[in-house]
Amino acid sequence: MKLPLKIAFRYLFAKKSHNVINIISAISAIGMAIGTAALVVILSVYNGFSSLVSDSLSTIEADFTIEPSKGKVFTPNADDAQWLQDLPQTGSVCEILQENVFIEYDGHNGVARAKGVDSLYESTSLVREKMVDGVFSLAMGDIPQTVVGTGFAYKMGINHRFMEPAVLYFPDKDKKISVANPTASLRSVKAWPAGLFSITTDTDNSLMILQIGVMRQLLGYDKEVSALEIRLKEGLSEREVKQVEASIREHFGADYTVKNRFQQNETLYKMMSSEKAAVYLILIFVVIIIAFNIFGSLTMLMIEKQGDIQTLRSLGARDGMIRKTFVLEGWLITLLGMAAGLVLGLLLVAAQQNFGLVKMPGDFAMNDYPVILRWTDITITAISVAVIGYIIALIPARKAIPQEGTSDPMREAE
């Protein structure tokens, strides 16, 4: 063990003549432990909520969507569709026709995001797992049906048990709008509600799903789609997903826009990342404030150890070695608190994962706060706390024991 580190260890655990130094050092270590544990726990909670949102969105969103770069719709090319199907990682390729439409139901009016889907989507959709009332059914024989979000159903008074149909309206692109009779320039279709689903607040408040044939009839299209949705097979690694994305982008070129899940909800994911970063910075600021206790204890320790400093100088120790000793002393307080905080944080996260100690208030899909531990967060937390502790320990040591070639206020005082 190098001499400065050995002396620092001695100073850390040896009894001081002034008990207040021990108290301040203990408070500093405990404060760093609490700050570190708080970082681990809160970042894990944010990871849990992010995963919960991502899992919910994966119900309604595909791994990739292919949309036209210009315009709203395009006619799928049979060769392109076959190429997508032939990819070994492809699970399904569905045709989607989506548009904002005007809805009338039992005297209530509103605007919804109507999503027309093909038969493959209807048979494989994960939305059926999110049904809270009724069934996921888009047709009963020749009668078109629809499923809607709970928020939109509440706003419109939609009840699948009633025989009242929802009437969808959209401007006829082949007719001019008549001022005298505006309804004459509108296309309309009817769809009977079959059930209600609940995914996310935004989705529940605006989305209704129906057959793509009904949507084409409403919008006046033949074979056009607004997007192709691609779902990949389960169990693919992140690297394989990125390789598939690169292949699709290369194949379709600049005429089409390929969006992954992040790009489909870029604003939402950026907001979640920004919130996590903001909380991290706030907690780091708290850790910095706590770390100033180390500044105080280290300053008092150097004042107490003036006799030891003179003895070391008489034995030939350079000021750089003496300064390093006290820097290591302060840093050891930080590292001791950080290690205890990491252990405490990991235990709290593990306890929440296994026993659900903290319950979610209100009526949510989950009873306990979700937590997911990521080692990147642990690494960033450990590095951040260690760097803060080192810098705080460096300030009083450099001030009290300057570098070689500069004046030493302690020597001048003698």
Protein backbone atom coordinates (compact mmCIF):
# COMPACT_ATOMS: atom_id res chain seq x y z
CA MET A 1 0.00 0.00 0.00
CA LYS A 2 1.41 3.40 -0.96
CA LEU A 3 2.30 5.70 1.92
CA PRO A 4 -0.30 8.49 1.25
CA LEU A 5 -3.11 5.92 1.07
CA LYS A 6 -1.89 4.15 4.19
CA ILE A 7 -1.80 7.41 6.15
CA ALA A 8 -5.25 8.36 4.78
CA PHE A 9 -6.68 5.05 5.99
CA ARG A 10 -5.09 5.69 9.38
CA TYR A 11 -6.62 9.15 9.62
CA LEU A 12 -10.02 7.87 8.47
CA PHE A 13 -10.47 5.26 11.18
CA ALA A 14 -8.26 6.69 13.95
CA LYS A 15 -9.88 8.60 16.80
CA LYS A 16 -9.46 12.38 16.47
CA SER A 17 -8.78 14.73 19.33
CA HIS A 18 -11.86 16.73 18.35
CA ASN A 19 -14.88 14.42 18.26
CA VAL A 20 -16.76 16.84 16.00
CA ILE A 21 -14.48 15.83 13.09
CA ASN A 22 -15.58 12.20 13.47
CA ILE A 23 -19.21 13.30 13.61
CA ILE A 24 -18.94 15.46 10.46
CA SER A 25 -17.10 12.67 8.61
CA ALA A 26 -19.79 10.16 9.59
CA ILE A 27 -22.54 12.56 8.52
CA SER A 28 -20.75 13.07 5.20
CA ALA A 29 -20.48 9.33 4.56
CA ILE A 30 -24.13 8.73 5.54
CA GLY A 31 -25.26 11.63 3.34
CA MET A 32 -23.33 10.29 0.34
CA ALA A 33 -24.84 6.84 0.98
CA ILE A 34 -28.39 8.22 1.03
CA GLY A 35 -27.78 10.32 -2.08
CA THR A 36 -26.31 7.37 -3.96
CA ALA A 37 -29.14 5.05 -2.90
CA ALA A 38 -31.71 7.67 -3.96
CA LEU A 39 -30.11 7.90 -7.40
CA VAL A 40 -30.20 4.12 -7.86
CA VAL A 41 -33.81 3.76 -6.69
CA ILE A 42 -35.32 6.73 -8.54
CA LEU A 43 -33.54 5.97 -11.82
CA SER A 44 -34.79 2.38 -11.52
CA VAL A 45 -38.35 3.64 -11.00
CA TYR A 46 -38.06 5.76 -14.15
CA ASN A 47 -36.80 2.70 -16.01
CA GLY A 48 -39.83 0.78 -14.77
CA PHE A 49 -42.30 3.42 -15.94
CA SER A 50 -40.52 3.75 -19.30
CA SER A 51 -40.73 -0.01 -19.80
CA LEU A 52 -44.40 0.04 -18.80
CA VAL A 53 -45.16 2.75 -21.38
CA SER A 54 -43.14 0.94 -24.07
CA ASP A 55 -44.95 -2.34 -23.41
CA SER A 56 -48.32 -0.58 -23.60
CA LEU A 57 -47.40 1.15 -26.87
CA SER A 58 -46.16 -2.12 -28.36
CA THR A 59 -49.76 -3.34 -28.19
CA ILE A 60 -50.90 -0.81 -30.76
CA GLU A 61 -47.64 -0.01 -32.55
CA ALA A 62 -45.50 -2.20 -34.78
CA ASP A 63 -41.72 -2.51 -34.70
CA PHE A 64 -41.53 -0.54 -37.96
CA THR A 65 -43.89 1.45 -40.14
CA ILE A 66 -43.35 2.31 -43.80
CA GLU A 67 -45.05 5.53 -44.91
CA PRO A 68 -44.84 7.62 -48.08
CA SER A 69 -42.34 10.49 -47.95
CA LYS A 70 -44.81 12.66 -49.88
CA GLY A 71 -48.56 12.57 -49.56
CA LYS A 72 -50.75 10.61 -47.19
CA VAL A 73 -51.26 7.32 -49.02
CA PHE A 74 -49.57 4.96 -51.46
CA THR A 75 -50.39 1.74 -53.27
CA PRO A 76 -48.28 -1.16 -51.95
CA ASN A 77 -46.05 -2.87 -54.48
CA ALA A 78 -46.49 -6.65 -54.54
CA ASP A 79 -42.73 -7.23 -54.92
CA ASP A 80 -41.94 -5.01 -51.93
CA ALA A 81 -44.55 -6.78 -49.81
CA GLN A 82 -43.12 -10.17 -50.78
CA TRP A 83 -39.60 -8.97 -49.99
CA LEU A 84 -40.73 -7.98 -46.50
CA GLN A 85 -42.44 -11.33 -45.98
CA ASP A 86 -39.30 -13.19 -47.06
CA LEU A 87 -37.14 -11.56 -44.37
CA PRO A 88 -36.40 -14.31 -41.82
CA GLN A 89 -36.98 -11.89 -38.93
CA THR A 90 -40.44 -10.78 -40.13
CA GLY A 91 -43.43 -11.88 -38.10
CA SER A 92 -46.21 -10.09 -39.98
CA VAL A 93 -46.80 -7.27 -42.48
CA CYS A 94 -50.16 -5.48 -42.20
CA GLU A 95 -51.80 -2.80 -44.33
CA ILE A 96 -53.06 0.25 -42.47
CA LEU A 97 -55.28 3.13 -43.60
CA GLN A 98 -55.56 5.83 -40.96
CA GLU A 99 -57.23 9.24 -40.91
CA ASN A 100 -58.90 11.71 -38.55
CA VAL A 101 -62.66 11.52 -39.11
CA PHE A 102 -65.80 13.11 -37.70
CA ILE A 103 -67.94 10.78 -35.55
CA GLU A 104 -71.61 11.00 -34.66
CA TYR A 105 -73.06 8.64 -32.05
CA ASP A 106 -76.47 8.92 -30.39
CA GLY A 107 -76.48 12.72 -30.50
CA HIS A 108 -72.81 13.10 -29.53
CA ASN A 109 -70.22 14.50 -31.94
CA GLY A 110 -66.44 14.25 -31.93
CA VAL A 111 -63.27 13.68 -33.91
CA ALA A 112 -61.42 10.36 -33.75
CA ARG A 113 -58.30 8.79 -35.23
CA ALA A 114 -59.87 5.99 -37.25
CA LYS A 115 -57.47 3.16 -38.04
CA GLY A 116 -58.48 0.72 -40.76
CA VAL A 117 -56.69 -2.64 -40.51
CA ASP A 118 -56.53 -5.74 -42.69
CA SER A 119 -57.56 -9.28 -41.78
CA LEU A 120 -54.03 -10.28 -40.68
CA TYR A 121 -53.91 -7.42 -38.18
CA GLU A 122 -57.37 -8.37 -36.96
CA SER A 123 -56.36 -11.98 -36.33
CA THR A 124 -52.96 -11.27 -34.72
CA SER A 125 -53.56 -7.95 -32.93
CA LEU A 126 -52.44 -7.63 -29.32
CA VAL A 127 -55.24 -5.14 -28.74
CA ARG A 128 -57.56 -8.02 -27.88
CA GLU A 129 -55.45 -8.49 -24.73
CA LYS A 130 -56.29 -4.91 -23.69
CA MET A 131 -60.05 -5.21 -24.04
CA VAL A 132 -61.84 -4.09 -20.88
CA ASP A 133 -65.40 -4.53 -22.11
CA GLY A 134 -66.95 -6.39 -25.02
CA VAL A 135 -64.87 -8.29 -27.59
CA PHE A 136 -62.29 -7.46 -30.25
CA SER A 137 -64.43 -7.96 -33.37
CA LEU A 138 -64.46 -5.81 -36.52
CA ALA A 139 -67.31 -7.57 -38.31
CA MET A 140 -70.35 -9.68 -37.60
CA GLY A 141 -71.10 -11.29 -40.93
CA ASP A 142 -71.57 -8.37 -43.32
CA ILE A 143 -72.12 -5.86 -40.52
CA PRO A 144 -69.04 -3.66 -39.88
CA GLN A 145 -68.01 -3.28 -36.27
CA THR A 146 -65.44 -1.19 -34.42
CA VAL A 147 -63.56 -1.17 -31.12
CA VAL A 148 -62.77 2.14 -29.44
CA GLY A 149 -60.67 3.48 -26.57
CA THR A 150 -62.31 3.88 -23.19
CA GLY A 151 -61.64 7.63 -23.04
CA PHE A 152 -63.26 8.29 -26.40
CA ALA A 153 -66.16 5.98 -25.54
CA TYR A 154 -66.79 7.89 -22.32
CA LYS A 155 -66.72 11.23 -24.14
CA MET A 156 -69.10 10.03 -26.85
CA GLY A 157 -71.32 7.92 -24.61
CA ILE A 158 -70.53 4.78 -26.65
CA ASN A 159 -71.90 1.53 -25.29
CA HIS A 160 -71.40 -1.71 -27.20
CA ARG A 161 -74.54 -3.15 -25.61
CA PHE A 162 -76.71 -0.63 -27.45
CA MET A 163 -77.81 -1.17 -31.05
CA GLU A 164 -76.89 2.40 -32.02
CA PRO A 165 -74.17 2.59 -34.74
CA ALA A 166 -71.32 5.09 -34.87
CA VAL A 167 -71.52 7.14 -38.07
CA LEU A 168 -68.18 8.22 -39.55
CA TYR A 169 -67.97 11.24 -41.87
CA PHE A 170 -65.18 12.42 -44.16
CA PRO A 171 -65.10 14.96 -47.04
CA ASP A 172 -65.56 13.43 -50.49
CA LYS A 173 -62.40 14.22 -52.44
CA ASP A 174 -64.35 14.06 -55.72
CA LYS A 175 -66.92 16.68 -54.72
CA LYS A 176 -66.75 20.38 -54.01
CA ILE A 177 -67.92 21.63 -50.66
CA SER A 178 -71.41 23.08 -50.93
CA VAL A 179 -72.12 26.10 -48.76
CA ALA A 180 -75.86 25.54 -49.03
CA ASN A 181 -75.69 21.83 -48.13
CA PRO A 182 -72.28 20.88 -46.62
CA THR A 183 -73.40 17.33 -45.79
CA ALA A 184 -73.84 16.60 -49.50
CA SER A 185 -70.04 16.71 -49.93
CA LEU A 186 -69.38 14.18 -47.17
CA ARG A 187 -68.94 10.43 -47.36
CA SER A 188 -70.26 8.37 -44.48
CA VAL A 189 -70.16 4.81 -43.19
CA LYS A 190 -71.65 3.08 -40.17
CA ALA A 191 -69.87 0.79 -37.71
CA TRP A 192 -71.39 -0.82 -34.64
CA PRO A 193 -69.27 -0.72 -31.43
CA ALA A 194 -68.19 -4.21 -30.33
CA GLY A 195 -65.92 -3.42 -27.38
CA LEU A 196 -63.69 -1.00 -25.49
CA PHE A 197 -59.92 -1.19 -24.99
CA SER A 198 -57.51 0.60 -22.67
CA ILE A 199 -53.85 1.07 -23.63
CA THR A 200 -52.56 4.60 -22.89
CA THR A 201 -54.37 7.83 -22.15
CA ASP A 202 -53.67 9.40 -25.55
CA THR A 203 -54.66 6.25 -27.41
CA ASP A 204 -57.80 5.69 -25.33
CA ASN A 205 -58.96 9.25 -25.92
CA SER A 206 -58.72 9.25 -29.71
CA LEU A 207 -58.41 5.83 -31.38
CA MET A 208 -61.01 3.61 -32.97
CA ILE A 209 -60.17 0.50 -35.01
CA LEU A 210 -62.22 -0.90 -37.88
CA GLN A 211 -61.75 -2.88 -41.09
CA ILE A 212 -59.62 -1.35 -43.82
CA GLY A 213 -62.38 -1.97 -46.38
CA VAL A 214 -64.74 0.28 -44.41
CA MET A 215 -62.07 2.97 -44.22
CA ARG A 216 -61.44 2.77 -47.98
CA GLN A 217 -65.15 3.14 -48.60
CA LEU A 218 -65.22 6.22 -46.33
CA LEU A 219 -62.13 7.86 -47.82
CA GLY A 220 -62.84 6.92 -51.42
CA TYR A 221 -59.77 4.74 -51.99
CA ASP A 222 -59.36 1.44 -53.81
CA LYS A 223 -56.10 -0.27 -52.77
CA GLU A 224 -54.26 2.63 -51.16
CA VAL A 225 -52.80 2.45 -47.65
CA SER A 226 -51.33 5.07 -45.36
CA ALA A 227 -48.70 2.70 -43.93
CA LEU A 228 -47.37 -0.83 -43.77
CA GLU A 229 -46.84 -2.08 -40.24
CA ILE A 230 -44.09 -4.66 -39.69
CA ARG A 231 -43.89 -6.78 -36.58
CA LEU A 232 -40.77 -8.84 -36.01
CA LYS A 233 -40.51 -12.27 -34.49
CA GLU A 234 -39.96 -12.43 -30.75
CA GLY A 235 -36.55 -13.07 -29.22
CA LEU A 236 -34.49 -10.94 -31.63
CA SER A 237 -31.48 -9.12 -30.21
CA GLU A 238 -31.10 -5.35 -30.47
CA ARG A 239 -28.37 -5.84 -33.06
CA GLU A 240 -30.63 -7.99 -35.25
CA VAL A 241 -33.43 -5.42 -35.03
CA LYS A 242 -31.06 -2.66 -36.17
CA GLN A 243 -29.86 -4.82 -39.06
CA VAL A 244 -33.46 -5.37 -40.19
CA GLU A 245 -34.13 -1.64 -39.95
CA ALA A 246 -31.06 -0.84 -42.06
CA SER A 247 -32.11 -3.41 -44.69
CA ILE A 248 -35.64 -1.99 -44.93
CA ARG A 249 -34.39 1.59 -45.24
CA GLU A 250 -31.97 0.58 -47.98
CA HIS A 251 -34.60 -1.39 -49.89
CA PHE A 252 -37.34 1.26 -49.87
CA GLY A 253 -35.07 4.26 -50.40
CA ALA A 254 -35.95 7.95 -50.23
CA ASP A 255 -39.50 7.59 -51.54
CA TYR A 256 -40.62 6.08 -48.24
CA THR A 257 -40.14 6.94 -44.57
CA VAL A 258 -39.27 4.02 -42.29
CA LYS A 259 -39.98 4.65 -38.60
CA ASN A 260 -38.96 2.50 -35.66
CA ARG A 261 -40.87 2.54 -32.38
CA PHE A 262 -38.87 5.47 -31.02
CA GLN A 263 -39.54 7.56 -34.12
CA GLN A 264 -43.26 6.72 -34.07
CA ASN A 265 -43.47 8.34 -30.62
CA GLU A 266 -40.38 10.53 -30.69
CA THR A 267 -41.90 13.31 -28.58
CA LEU A 268 -43.03 10.92 -25.84
CA TYR A 269 -39.72 9.08 -25.60
CA LYS A 270 -37.71 12.32 -25.63
CA MET A 271 -39.93 13.69 -22.87
CA MET A 272 -39.35 10.58 -20.73
CA SER A 273 -35.58 10.78 -21.32
CA SER A 274 -35.58 14.49 -20.47
CA GLU A 275 -37.50 13.89 -17.25
CA LYS A 276 -35.06 11.16 -16.23
CA ALA A 277 -32.09 13.43 -17.00
CA ALA A 278 -33.68 16.31 -15.03
CA VAL A 279 -34.24 14.11 -11.96
CA TYR A 280 -30.67 12.81 -12.25
CA LEU A 281 -29.28 16.37 -12.31
CA ILE A 282 -31.42 17.42 -9.33
CA LEU A 283 -30.19 14.47 -7.26
CA ILE A 284 -26.59 15.10 -8.34
CA PHE A 285 -26.99 18.69 -7.13
CA VAL A 286 -28.18 17.33 -3.76
CA VAL A 287 -25.14 15.04 -3.64
CA ILE A 288 -22.88 18.05 -4.32
CA ILE A 289 -24.45 19.93 -1.38
CA ILE A 290 -23.98 16.88 0.86
CA ALA A 291 -20.37 16.55 -0.30
CA PHE A 292 -19.51 19.98 1.10
CA ASN A 293 -19.61 18.33 4.54
CA ILE A 294 -16.44 16.56 3.40
CA PHE A 295 -14.92 19.97 2.69
CA GLY A 296 -15.58 21.00 6.30
CA SER A 297 -14.34 17.80 7.93
CA LEU A 298 -11.20 17.73 5.77
CA THR A 299 -10.38 21.36 6.55
CA MET A 300 -10.73 20.72 10.28
CA LEU A 301 -8.64 17.55 10.00
CA MET A 302 -5.78 19.43 8.29
CA ILE A 303 -5.84 22.05 11.04
CA GLU A 304 -5.69 19.33 13.68
CA LYS A 305 -2.87 17.46 11.92
CA GLN A 306 -0.46 20.43 11.62
CA GLY A 307 2.01 18.64 13.85
CA ASP A 308 1.90 15.54 11.63
CA ILE A 309 2.37 17.69 8.53
CA GLN A 310 5.53 19.30 10.01
CA THR A 311 6.84 15.88 11.03
CA LEU A 312 6.34 14.51 7.52
CA ARG A 313 8.12 17.54 6.05
CA SER A 314 11.03 17.03 8.45
CA LEU A 315 11.27 13.43 7.27
CA GLY A 316 11.56 14.64 3.67
CA ALA A 317 7.98 14.31 2.48
CA ARG A 318 7.09 16.68 -0.34
CA ASP A 319 4.03 18.86 -0.16
CA GLY A 320 2.55 16.93 -3.11
CA MET A 321 2.57 13.72 -1.07
CA ILE A 322 1.02 15.45 1.95
CA ARG A 323 -1.65 17.02 -0.24
CA LYS A 324 -2.39 13.63 -1.83
CA THR A 325 -2.82 12.13 1.65
CA PHE A 326 -5.62 14.50 2.60
CA VAL A 327 -7.25 14.29 -0.83
CA LEU A 328 -7.37 10.50 -0.45
CA GLU A 329 -8.74 10.94 3.09
CA GLY A 330 -11.68 12.98 1.77
CA TRP A 331 -12.16 10.70 -1.22
CA LEU A 332 -12.26 7.61 1.00
CA ILE A 333 -15.19 9.16 2.89
CA THR A 334 -16.99 9.57 -0.44
CA LEU A 335 -16.17 6.04 -1.65
CA LEU A 336 -17.23 4.52 1.67
CA GLY A 337 -20.59 6.31 1.50
CA MET A 338 -20.99 5.51 -2.19
CA ALA A 339 -20.36 1.79 -1.64
CA ALA A 340 -22.89 1.68 1.20
CA GLY A 341 -25.38 3.62 -0.93
CA LEU A 342 -25.02 1.28 -3.89
CA VAL A 343 -25.61 -1.75 -1.69
CA LEU A 344 -28.61 -0.08 -0.03
CA GLY A 345 -30.05 1.01 -3.39
CA LEU A 346 -29.66 -2.47 -4.88
CA LEU A 347 -31.34 -4.05 -1.85
CA LEU A 348 -34.27 -1.60 -2.03
CA VAL A 349 -34.76 -2.20 -5.76
CA ALA A 350 -34.58 -5.98 -5.27
CA ALA A 351 -37.09 -5.79 -2.40
CA GLN A 352 -39.50 -3.71 -4.52
CA GLN A 353 -39.19 -6.13 -7.44
CA ASN A 354 -39.83 -9.21 -5.31
CA PHE A 355 -42.16 -7.98 -2.57
CA GLY A 356 -43.73 -4.75 -3.89
CA LEU A 357 -43.06 -2.73 -0.74
CA VAL A 358 -44.35 0.57 -2.17
CA LYS A 359 -47.85 0.42 -3.64
CA MET A 360 -49.21 2.51 -6.51
CA PRO A 361 -51.89 4.98 -5.34
CA GLY A 362 -55.24 4.97 -7.13
CA ASP A 363 -56.57 2.52 -9.67
CA PHE A 364 -53.73 1.49 -12.00
CA ALA A 365 -52.94 -1.57 -14.06
CA MET A 366 -50.10 -2.36 -11.63
CA ASN A 367 -50.40 -2.55 -7.86
CA ASP A 368 -46.73 -1.80 -7.12
CA TYR A 369 -44.30 0.81 -8.41
CA PRO A 370 -42.40 -0.80 -11.32
CA VAL A 371 -38.61 -0.82 -11.02
CA ILE A 372 -35.98 -2.03 -13.47
CA LEU A 373 -32.30 -2.02 -12.56
CA ARG A 374 -29.88 -1.12 -15.36
CA TRP A 375 -26.16 -1.43 -14.89
CA THR A 376 -25.56 1.65 -17.01
CA ASP A 377 -27.38 3.69 -14.35
CA ILE A 378 -25.30 2.05 -11.62
CA THR A 379 -22.09 2.86 -13.50
CA ILE A 380 -23.07 6.47 -14.18
CA THR A 381 -24.12 6.95 -10.54
CA ALA A 382 -20.88 5.49 -9.17
CA ILE A 383 -18.68 7.55 -11.51
CA SER A 384 -20.62 10.77 -10.81
CA VAL A 385 -20.50 10.43 -7.04
CA ALA A 386 -16.83 9.42 -7.08
CA VAL A 387 -15.85 12.40 -9.27
CA ILE A 388 -17.84 14.84 -7.11
CA GLY A 389 -16.20 13.49 -3.95
CA TYR A 390 -12.72 13.73 -5.47
CA ILE A 391 -13.20 17.33 -6.62
CA ILE A 392 -14.64 18.42 -3.26
CA ALA A 393 -11.70 16.74 -1.43
CA LEU A 394 -9.21 18.37 -3.79
CA ILE A 395 -10.32 21.94 -3.05
CA PRO A 396 -9.32 22.26 0.65
CA ALA A 397 -6.15 20.19 0.16
CA ARG A 398 -4.90 22.38 -2.70
CA LYS A 399 -5.79 25.54 -0.80
CA ALA A 400 -4.10 24.54 2.46
CA ILE A 401 -1.09 22.78 0.89
CA PRO A 402 -0.26 24.47 -2.45
CA GLN A 403 1.69 22.93 -5.29
CA GLU A 404 5.46 23.09 -5.45
CA GLY A 405 6.82 26.53 -6.33
CA THR A 406 3.91 28.49 -4.78
CA SER A 407 3.69 30.13 -1.39
CA ASP A 408 2.38 28.05 1.47
CA PRO A 409 0.08 30.04 3.83
CA MET A 410 0.74 27.56 6.65
CA ARG A 411 4.52 28.01 6.39
CA GLU A 412 4.20 31.79 6.15
CA ALA A 413 2.08 31.76 9.31
CA GLU A 414 4.93 30.04 11.13
